[in-house]
Amino acid sequence: MAKTNPFTFLQQVRTETMKVSWPTRRETLITTATVFVMAVVASLFFLAVDALLSEGVRLLLQIGA
């Protein structure tokens, strides 16, 4: 790989940065809210699954006792 001098590198970085499609503030807020909502939904799902599995194990252990 050819070495690039620092000035050329910074010019390339600036050029590539201008090509980036940055999200709007509204898009960022909506995406953030969606992530938080999905995290809560996932945690509630796993809480329910854990409660069901622990209850099942408790019932199995009572049968064997």
N, C-alpha and C. Protein backbone atom coordinates (compact mmCIF):
# COMPACT_ATOMS: atom_id res chain seq x y z
N MET A 1 0.85 -1.18 0.00
CA MET A 1 0.00 0.00 0.00
C MET A 1 0.89 1.24 0.00
N ALA A 2 0.59 2.17 -0.90
CA ALA A 2 1.40 3.38 -1.03
C ALA A 2 1.16 4.31 0.15
N LYS A 3 2.24 4.94 0.59
CA LYS A 3 2.13 5.90 1.69
C LYS A 3 1.64 7.24 1.14
N THR A 4 0.80 7.91 1.94
CA THR A 4 0.25 9.19 1.55
C THR A 4 0.75 10.24 2.53
N ASN A 5 1.09 11.41 2.01
CA ASN A 5 1.55 12.44 2.94
C ASN A 5 0.34 12.96 3.73
N PRO A 6 0.58 13.53 4.92
CA PRO A 6 -0.53 13.96 5.79
C PRO A 6 -1.48 14.97 5.14
N PHE A 7 -0.96 15.88 4.34
CA PHE A 7 -1.83 16.88 3.70
C PHE A 7 -2.80 16.23 2.73
N THR A 8 -2.32 15.31 1.92
CA THR A 8 -3.17 14.60 0.97
C THR A 8 -4.20 13.76 1.72
N PHE A 9 -3.75 13.11 2.80
CA PHE A 9 -4.66 12.31 3.60
C PHE A 9 -5.81 13.16 4.15
N LEU A 10 -5.50 14.33 4.69
CA LEU A 10 -6.54 15.20 5.24
C LEU A 10 -7.50 15.68 4.15
N GLN A 11 -6.97 15.94 2.95
CA GLN A 11 -7.84 16.32 1.83
C GLN A 11 -8.79 15.18 1.48
N GLN A 12 -8.28 13.95 1.48
CA GLN A 12 -9.12 12.79 1.18
C GLN A 12 -10.20 12.59 2.25
N VAL A 13 -9.81 12.78 3.51
CA VAL A 13 -10.77 12.65 4.60
C VAL A 13 -11.88 13.69 4.45
N ARG A 14 -11.50 14.92 4.14
CA ARG A 14 -12.50 15.98 3.98
C ARG A 14 -13.44 15.66 2.81
N THR A 15 -12.91 15.16 1.71
CA THR A 15 -13.72 14.80 0.56
C THR A 15 -14.71 13.69 0.91
N GLU A 16 -14.22 12.68 1.60
CA GLU A 16 -15.10 11.57 1.98
C GLU A 16 -16.16 12.01 2.99
N THR A 17 -15.80 12.91 3.91
CA THR A 17 -16.75 13.40 4.90
C THR A 17 -17.89 14.16 4.23
N MET A 18 -17.59 14.87 3.15
CA MET A 18 -18.65 15.61 2.45
C MET A 18 -19.61 14.66 1.73
N LYS A 19 -19.20 13.43 1.47
CA LYS A 19 -20.07 12.45 0.80
C LYS A 19 -21.04 11.78 1.76
N VAL A 20 -20.78 11.93 3.07
CA VAL A 20 -21.62 11.26 4.06
C VAL A 20 -22.99 11.91 4.11
N SER A 21 -24.00 11.07 4.20
CA SER A 21 -25.37 11.56 4.32
C SER A 21 -25.73 11.58 5.80
N TRP A 22 -25.63 12.75 6.43
CA TRP A 22 -25.87 12.87 7.86
C TRP A 22 -27.37 12.90 8.15
N PRO A 23 -27.82 12.19 9.21
CA PRO A 23 -29.25 12.21 9.54
C PRO A 23 -29.66 13.57 10.11
N THR A 24 -30.94 13.88 9.93
CA THR A 24 -31.46 15.13 10.50
C THR A 24 -31.67 14.92 12.00
N ARG A 25 -31.92 16.01 12.70
CA ARG A 25 -32.16 15.93 14.14
C ARG A 25 -33.40 15.07 14.41
N ARG A 26 -34.43 15.25 13.60
CA ARG A 26 -35.68 14.48 13.78
C ARG A 26 -35.43 12.99 13.58
N GLU A 27 -34.68 12.63 12.54
CA GLU A 27 -34.37 11.22 12.30
C GLU A 27 -33.58 10.62 13.45
N THR A 28 -32.65 11.38 14.00
CA THR A 28 -31.85 10.91 15.13
C THR A 28 -32.73 10.67 16.36
N LEU A 29 -33.64 11.60 16.64
CA LEU A 29 -34.53 11.45 17.79
C LEU A 29 -35.46 10.26 17.63
N ILE A 30 -36.00 10.07 16.43
CA ILE A 30 -36.91 8.95 16.18
C ILE A 30 -36.16 7.62 16.33
N THR A 31 -34.96 7.56 15.78
CA THR A 31 -34.17 6.33 15.87
C THR A 31 -33.81 6.03 17.32
N THR A 32 -33.44 7.05 18.08
CA THR A 32 -33.10 6.87 19.49
C THR A 32 -34.31 6.38 20.28
N ALA A 33 -35.46 6.98 20.05
CA ALA A 33 -36.67 6.56 20.74
C ALA A 33 -37.03 5.12 20.38
N THR A 34 -36.87 4.76 19.12
CA THR A 34 -37.15 3.39 18.69
C THR A 34 -36.24 2.40 19.39
N VAL A 35 -34.97 2.73 19.53
CA VAL A 35 -34.03 1.84 20.22
C VAL A 35 -34.44 1.66 21.67
N PHE A 36 -34.80 2.74 22.35
CA PHE A 36 -35.22 2.64 23.75
C PHE A 36 -36.50 1.81 23.90
N VAL A 37 -37.46 2.03 23.03
CA VAL A 37 -38.72 1.26 23.09
C VAL A 37 -38.45 -0.22 22.86
N MET A 38 -37.63 -0.54 21.87
CA MET A 38 -37.32 -1.95 21.60
C MET A 38 -36.55 -2.58 22.74
N ALA A 39 -35.69 -1.83 23.40
CA ALA A 39 -34.96 -2.35 24.56
C ALA A 39 -35.92 -2.68 25.69
N VAL A 40 -36.92 -1.83 25.91
CA VAL A 40 -37.92 -2.09 26.95
C VAL A 40 -38.76 -3.31 26.58
N VAL A 41 -39.18 -3.40 25.33
CA VAL A 41 -39.98 -4.55 24.87
C VAL A 41 -39.18 -5.84 25.04
N ALA A 42 -37.92 -5.83 24.63
CA ALA A 42 -37.08 -7.02 24.75
C ALA A 42 -36.88 -7.40 26.21
N SER A 43 -36.66 -6.43 27.09
CA SER A 43 -36.46 -6.74 28.50
C SER A 43 -37.73 -7.32 29.12
N LEU A 44 -38.90 -6.80 28.74
CA LEU A 44 -40.15 -7.35 29.26
C LEU A 44 -40.37 -8.78 28.74
N PHE A 45 -40.03 -9.03 27.48
CA PHE A 45 -40.15 -10.37 26.93
C PHE A 45 -39.27 -11.35 27.69
N PHE A 46 -38.02 -10.99 27.89
CA PHE A 46 -37.11 -11.90 28.60
C PHE A 46 -37.48 -12.04 30.07
N LEU A 47 -38.05 -11.02 30.67
CA LEU A 47 -38.55 -11.13 32.04
C LEU A 47 -39.68 -12.16 32.11
N ALA A 48 -40.59 -12.12 31.14
CA ALA A 48 -41.70 -13.07 31.11
C ALA A 48 -41.20 -14.49 30.85
N VAL A 49 -40.29 -14.66 29.91
CA VAL A 49 -39.74 -15.99 29.62
C VAL A 49 -39.01 -16.53 30.85
N ASP A 50 -38.23 -15.70 31.52
CA ASP A 50 -37.52 -16.12 32.72
C ASP A 50 -38.48 -16.53 33.81
N ALA A 51 -39.56 -15.78 34.00
CA ALA A 51 -40.55 -16.11 35.03
C ALA A 51 -41.22 -17.45 34.71
N LEU A 52 -41.57 -17.66 33.44
CA LEU A 52 -42.19 -18.93 33.05
C LEU A 52 -41.24 -20.11 33.24
N LEU A 53 -40.01 -19.95 32.83
CA LEU A 53 -39.05 -21.05 32.98
C LEU A 53 -38.73 -21.33 34.44
N SER A 54 -38.60 -20.31 35.25
CA SER A 54 -38.32 -20.54 36.66
C SER A 54 -39.51 -21.19 37.36
N GLU A 55 -40.72 -20.82 36.97
CA GLU A 55 -41.91 -21.47 37.53
C GLU A 55 -41.96 -22.93 37.10
N GLY A 56 -41.63 -23.22 35.85
CA GLY A 56 -41.60 -24.60 35.38
C GLY A 56 -40.58 -25.44 36.12
N VAL A 57 -39.41 -24.88 36.34
CA VAL A 57 -38.37 -25.60 37.09
C VAL A 57 -38.83 -25.82 38.52
N ARG A 58 -39.45 -24.81 39.13
CA ARG A 58 -39.93 -24.96 40.51
C ARG A 58 -40.97 -26.09 40.60
N LEU A 59 -41.88 -26.15 39.62
CA LEU A 59 -42.89 -27.22 39.62
C LEU A 59 -42.25 -28.58 39.44
N LEU A 60 -41.26 -28.69 38.56
CA LEU A 60 -40.56 -29.97 38.36
C LEU A 60 -39.83 -30.40 39.63
N LEU A 61 -39.23 -29.45 40.32
CA LEU A 61 -38.53 -29.82 41.55
C LEU A 61 -39.49 -30.22 42.65
N GLN A 62 -40.70 -29.65 42.67
CA GLN A 62 -41.69 -30.04 43.68
C GLN A 62 -42.19 -31.45 43.41
N ILE A 63 -42.31 -31.84 42.13
CA ILE A 63 -42.77 -33.18 41.79
C ILE A 63 -41.76 -34.22 42.28
N GLY A 64 -40.48 -33.91 42.12
CA GLY A 64 -39.44 -34.85 42.51
C GLY A 64 -39.22 -34.92 44.01
N ALA A 65 -39.69 -33.96 44.76
CA ALA A 65 -39.41 -33.94 46.21
C ALA A 65 -40.36 -34.78 47.01
